[in-house]
Amino acid sequence: MSEMRANRVAEQIKKELGDIISKKIKDPRIGFVTVTDAEVTGDLQQATVYITVLGGEPELQDTLAGLGKARGFIRSEIGKRIRLRKTPEITFEIDEAVERGNRIESLLNNLNDTNNT
């Protein structure tokens, strides 16, 4: 039961964070961010949010720094939008699944090209 609730809260956080980051945060360090996933612990105390950022490593580091600085504001906004006794502590991490998927696709395309020649 609590795992199902944690999943619902994670989905709600993911949805709200996309809106908050795109509309409320004005930090110039934060680039084009996509919230790809969110995981919440069973006790709803911790939330890990996975993001992807358009651009290279410098944009990635700047965005993480900007989101880290705005974490308190983001948490208060989440608290206003989602009714929970205690708003989870938010941690941002880079989602490497998209990059890994692109690399696998590239390798498969290269393999396919070598087989066709």
Protein backbone atom coordinates (compact mmCIF):
# COMPACT_ATOMS: atom_id res chain seq x y z
CA MET A 1 0.00 0.00 0.00
CA SER A 2 2.71 2.53 0.93
CA GLU A 3 4.70 1.71 -2.23
CA MET A 4 1.67 2.54 -4.34
CA ARG A 5 1.23 5.85 -2.50
CA ALA A 6 4.93 6.65 -2.88
CA ASN A 7 4.61 6.06 -6.63
CA ARG A 8 1.58 8.36 -6.84
CA VAL A 9 3.41 11.08 -4.89
CA ALA A 10 6.48 10.65 -7.12
CA GLU A 11 4.37 11.09 -10.26
CA GLN A 12 2.72 14.18 -8.81
CA ILE A 13 6.11 15.64 -7.85
CA LYS A 14 7.42 14.93 -11.35
CA LYS A 15 4.46 16.72 -12.92
CA GLU A 16 4.61 19.73 -10.61
CA LEU A 17 8.38 20.08 -10.88
CA GLY A 18 8.21 20.38 -14.65
CA ASP A 19 5.80 23.27 -14.23
CA ILE A 20 7.76 24.93 -11.40
CA ILE A 21 11.13 24.74 -13.17
CA SER A 22 9.80 26.07 -16.46
CA LYS A 23 7.57 28.85 -15.10
CA LYS A 24 8.67 29.90 -11.61
CA ILE A 25 12.46 29.70 -11.48
CA LYS A 26 14.26 32.59 -13.18
CA ASP A 27 17.88 31.54 -12.51
CA PRO A 28 19.91 32.06 -15.72
CA ARG A 29 22.12 29.07 -14.88
CA ILE A 30 19.21 26.69 -15.32
CA GLY A 31 19.02 25.61 -18.94
CA PHE A 32 16.41 23.57 -20.76
CA VAL A 33 15.55 20.90 -18.19
CA THR A 34 13.36 17.84 -18.61
CA VAL A 35 12.21 15.98 -15.51
CA THR A 36 12.41 12.33 -16.58
CA ASP A 37 11.62 10.49 -13.35
CA ALA A 38 11.09 10.87 -9.62
CA GLU A 39 11.48 8.34 -6.83
CA VAL A 40 10.11 8.82 -3.33
CA THR A 41 11.04 6.70 -0.33
CA GLY A 42 8.29 4.69 1.37
CA ASP A 43 8.10 7.12 4.30
CA LEU A 44 7.76 10.07 1.85
CA GLN A 45 10.71 11.87 3.46
CA GLN A 46 13.16 11.83 0.53
CA ALA A 47 12.60 12.39 -3.18
CA THR A 48 15.18 11.84 -5.89
CA VAL A 49 14.38 13.66 -9.11
CA TYR A 50 16.11 12.61 -12.33
CA ILE A 51 16.64 15.28 -14.98
CA THR A 52 18.15 15.68 -18.42
CA VAL A 53 19.62 18.95 -19.64
CA LEU A 54 20.00 20.15 -23.20
CA GLY A 55 23.67 20.94 -23.85
CA GLY A 56 27.06 19.73 -22.74
CA GLU A 57 28.82 19.24 -19.42
CA PRO A 58 29.09 22.98 -18.52
CA GLU A 59 25.33 23.47 -18.95
CA LEU A 60 24.72 20.34 -16.91
CA GLN A 61 26.85 21.54 -14.00
CA ASP A 62 25.36 25.06 -14.12
CA THR A 63 21.85 23.65 -14.10
CA LEU A 64 22.60 21.36 -11.15
CA ALA A 65 24.09 24.32 -9.24
CA GLY A 66 21.05 26.48 -10.01
CA LEU A 67 18.59 23.77 -8.97
CA GLY A 68 20.60 23.11 -5.82
CA LYS A 69 20.40 26.78 -4.91
CA ALA A 70 16.64 26.87 -5.59
CA ARG A 71 15.91 23.62 -3.72
CA GLY A 72 14.26 25.39 -0.76
CA PHE A 73 11.98 27.41 -3.03
CA ILE A 74 11.13 24.31 -5.07
CA ARG A 75 10.31 22.36 -1.90
CA SER A 76 8.01 25.12 -0.65
CA GLU A 77 6.23 25.26 -4.03
CA ILE A 78 5.78 21.47 -3.99
CA GLY A 79 4.40 21.77 -0.45
CA LYS A 80 1.81 24.29 -1.62
CA ARG A 81 0.72 22.15 -4.57
CA ILE A 82 0.71 18.67 -3.03
CA ARG A 83 -1.08 18.05 0.24
CA LEU A 84 1.29 16.09 2.45
CA ARG A 85 2.06 16.30 6.14
CA LYS A 86 5.71 16.81 5.39
CA THR A 87 7.14 17.79 2.02
CA PRO A 88 9.95 15.45 0.94
CA GLU A 89 13.57 16.60 0.84
CA ILE A 90 14.46 16.86 -2.87
CA THR A 91 17.71 15.69 -4.46
CA PHE A 92 18.46 16.25 -8.14
CA GLU A 93 20.42 13.71 -10.18
CA ILE A 94 21.28 13.43 -13.84
CA ASP A 95 19.34 10.74 -15.69
CA GLU A 96 21.94 8.83 -17.64
CA ALA A 97 19.43 6.39 -19.13
CA VAL A 98 18.75 8.66 -22.13
CA GLU A 99 22.46 9.05 -22.87
CA ARG A 100 23.00 5.31 -22.45
CA GLY A 101 20.09 4.60 -24.80
CA ASN A 102 21.49 6.97 -27.43
CA ARG A 103 24.89 5.27 -27.18
CA ILE A 104 23.34 1.81 -27.61
CA GLU A 105 21.34 3.03 -30.60
CA SER A 106 24.49 4.51 -32.14
CA LEU A 107 26.38 1.25 -31.64
CA LEU A 108 23.55 -0.75 -33.21
CA ASN A 109 23.42 1.62 -36.19
CA ASN A 110 27.21 1.29 -36.66
CA LEU A 111 26.92 -2.48 -36.47
CA ASN A 112 24.08 -2.47 -38.96
CA ASP A 113 26.07 -0.22 -41.34
CA THR A 114 29.11 -2.52 -41.23
CA ASN A 115 26.94 -5.57 -41.94
CA ASN A 116 25.33 -3.89 -44.97
CA THR A 117 28.66 -3.02 -46.62
